[in-house]
Amino acid sequence: MYKINKFDKIKDFYRSSEDGKQFSYYLPTELQKQLKKHAVMEDKSISKVLEDLLLDHYSIDQEIKQAYNEGYDKRNLLK
């Protein structure tokens, strides 16, 4: 696979990826209910909702691109 350089394509790469690791998050019950409610309304898993929030609102472009580049190097045994 070739290395992606355009940010929009990197976001698409992550959105289409089914690969990932499980993790736990802790939120007050009321916020968990809101998160689940929005996930159901959007017909998404909680993981996809969190991924969208991370890609669209939390991380800046450079951070996501850096994470992609590090992951690419690791997947391709470059580092």
C-alpha atoms as a PDB file:
ATOM      1  CA  MET A   1       0.000   0.000   0.000  1.00  0.00           C
ATOM      2  CA  TYR A   2       1.224   3.489  -0.789  1.00  0.00           C
ATOM      3  CA  LYS A   3       1.566   6.237   1.788  1.00  0.00           C
ATOM      4  CA  ILE A   4      -1.300   8.728   1.770  1.00  0.00           C
ATOM      5  CA  ASN A   5      -0.321  12.393   1.870  1.00  0.00           C
ATOM      6  CA  LYS A   6      -3.613  14.291   1.608  1.00  0.00           C
ATOM      7  CA  PHE A   7      -5.394  14.865   4.888  1.00  0.00           C
ATOM      8  CA  ASP A   8      -8.893  14.150   3.547  1.00  0.00           C
ATOM      9  CA  LYS A   9      -7.681  10.781   2.250  1.00  0.00           C
ATOM     10  CA  ILE A  10      -6.129   9.992   5.648  1.00  0.00           C
ATOM     11  CA  LYS A  11      -9.483  10.700   7.320  1.00  0.00           C
ATOM     12  CA  ASP A  12     -11.179   8.443   4.738  1.00  0.00           C
ATOM     13  CA  PHE A  13      -8.599   5.740   5.485  1.00  0.00           C
ATOM     14  CA  TYR A  14      -9.462   5.818   9.181  1.00  0.00           C
ATOM     15  CA  ARG A  15     -13.207   6.010   8.587  1.00  0.00           C
ATOM     16  CA  SER A  16     -13.140   2.932   6.339  1.00  0.00           C
ATOM     17  CA  SER A  17     -10.824   0.942   8.594  1.00  0.00           C
ATOM     18  CA  GLU A  18     -12.339  -1.939  10.521  1.00  0.00           C
ATOM     19  CA  ASP A  19      -9.085  -2.463  12.405  1.00  0.00           C
ATOM     20  CA  GLY A  20      -8.786  -1.218  15.928  1.00  0.00           C
ATOM     21  CA  LYS A  21      -8.188  -2.026  19.539  1.00  0.00           C
ATOM     22  CA  GLN A  22     -10.722  -2.174  22.299  1.00  0.00           C
ATOM     23  CA  PHE A  23     -10.496   0.325  25.122  1.00  0.00           C
ATOM     24  CA  SER A  24     -12.622   1.388  28.042  1.00  0.00           C
ATOM     25  CA  TYR A  25     -13.890   4.849  28.709  1.00  0.00           C
ATOM     26  CA  TYR A  26     -15.465   6.178  31.850  1.00  0.00           C
ATOM     27  CA  LEU A  27     -18.164   8.827  31.779  1.00  0.00           C
ATOM     28  CA  PRO A  28     -20.929   9.815  34.139  1.00  0.00           C
ATOM     29  CA  THR A  29     -24.035   7.729  33.501  1.00  0.00           C
ATOM     30  CA  GLU A  30     -25.977  10.661  32.049  1.00  0.00           C
ATOM     31  CA  LEU A  31     -23.249  11.360  29.463  1.00  0.00           C
ATOM     32  CA  GLN A  32     -23.020   7.671  28.560  1.00  0.00           C
ATOM     33  CA  LYS A  33     -26.754   7.647  27.909  1.00  0.00           C
ATOM     34  CA  GLN A  34     -26.444  10.712  25.673  1.00  0.00           C
ATOM     35  CA  LEU A  35     -23.573   9.138  23.731  1.00  0.00           C
ATOM     36  CA  LYS A  36     -25.528   5.898  23.228  1.00  0.00           C
ATOM     37  CA  LYS A  37     -28.654   7.860  22.247  1.00  0.00           C
ATOM     38  CA  HIS A  38     -26.758   9.794  19.560  1.00  0.00           C
ATOM     39  CA  ALA A  39     -25.089   6.627  18.300  1.00  0.00           C
ATOM     40  CA  VAL A  40     -28.465   4.928  17.885  1.00  0.00           C
ATOM     41  CA  MET A  41     -29.994   8.000  16.203  1.00  0.00           C
ATOM     42  CA  GLU A  42     -27.062   8.111  13.747  1.00  0.00           C
ATOM     43  CA  ASP A  43     -27.157   4.308  13.271  1.00  0.00           C
ATOM     44  CA  LYS A  44     -23.502   4.069  14.311  1.00  0.00           C
ATOM     45  CA  SER A  45     -21.535   2.184  16.892  1.00  0.00           C
ATOM     46  CA  ILE A  46     -20.157   4.121  19.826  1.00  0.00           C
ATOM     47  CA  SER A  47     -16.692   3.463  18.389  1.00  0.00           C
ATOM     48  CA  LYS A  48     -17.643   5.160  15.107  1.00  0.00           C
ATOM     49  CA  VAL A  49     -19.187   8.119  16.940  1.00  0.00           C
ATOM     50  CA  LEU A  50     -15.991   8.559  18.976  1.00  0.00           C
ATOM     51  CA  GLU A  51     -13.888   8.170  15.821  1.00  0.00           C
ATOM     52  CA  ASP A  52     -15.919  10.903  14.082  1.00  0.00           C
ATOM     53  CA  LEU A  53     -15.567  13.200  17.080  1.00  0.00           C
ATOM     54  CA  LEU A  54     -11.835  12.610  17.198  1.00  0.00           C
ATOM     55  CA  LEU A  55     -11.306  13.151  13.467  1.00  0.00           C
ATOM     56  CA  ASP A  56     -13.685  16.091  13.065  1.00  0.00           C
ATOM     57  CA  HIS A  57     -13.521  18.027  16.315  1.00  0.00           C
ATOM     58  CA  TYR A  58     -10.798  16.963  18.704  1.00  0.00           C
ATOM     59  CA  SER A  59      -7.496  16.429  16.910  1.00  0.00           C
ATOM     60  CA  ILE A  60      -5.913  18.925  14.590  1.00  0.00           C
ATOM     61  CA  ASP A  61      -4.968  17.860  11.073  1.00  0.00           C
ATOM     62  CA  GLN A  62      -1.262  17.667  11.855  1.00  0.00           C
ATOM     63  CA  GLU A  63      -1.829  15.348  14.827  1.00  0.00           C
ATOM     64  CA  ILE A  64      -3.902  12.933  12.763  1.00  0.00           C
ATOM     65  CA  LYS A  65      -1.390  13.013   9.906  1.00  0.00           C
ATOM     66  CA  GLN A  66       1.465  12.346  12.336  1.00  0.00           C
ATOM     67  CA  ALA A  67      -0.413   9.409  13.867  1.00  0.00           C
ATOM     68  CA  TYR A  68      -1.078   8.027  10.360  1.00  0.00           C
ATOM     69  CA  ASN A  69       2.582   8.374   9.358  1.00  0.00           C
ATOM     70  CA  GLU A  70       3.750   6.603  12.530  1.00  0.00           C
ATOM     71  CA  GLY A  71       1.224   3.816  11.974  1.00  0.00           C
ATOM     72  CA  TYR A  72       2.190   3.501   8.306  1.00  0.00           C
ATOM     73  CA  ASP A  73       5.865   3.163   9.198  1.00  0.00           C
ATOM     74  CA  LYS A  74       5.065   0.537  11.839  1.00  0.00           C
ATOM     75  CA  ARG A  75       2.728  -1.453   9.545  1.00  0.00           C
ATOM     76  CA  ASN A  76       5.373  -1.456   6.824  1.00  0.00           C
ATOM     77  CA  LEU A  77       8.298  -2.210   9.176  1.00  0.00           C
ATOM     78  CA  LEU A  78      10.016   1.080   8.344  1.00  0.00           C
ATOM     79  CA  LYS A  79      10.740   1.937  11.993  1.00  0.00           C
END
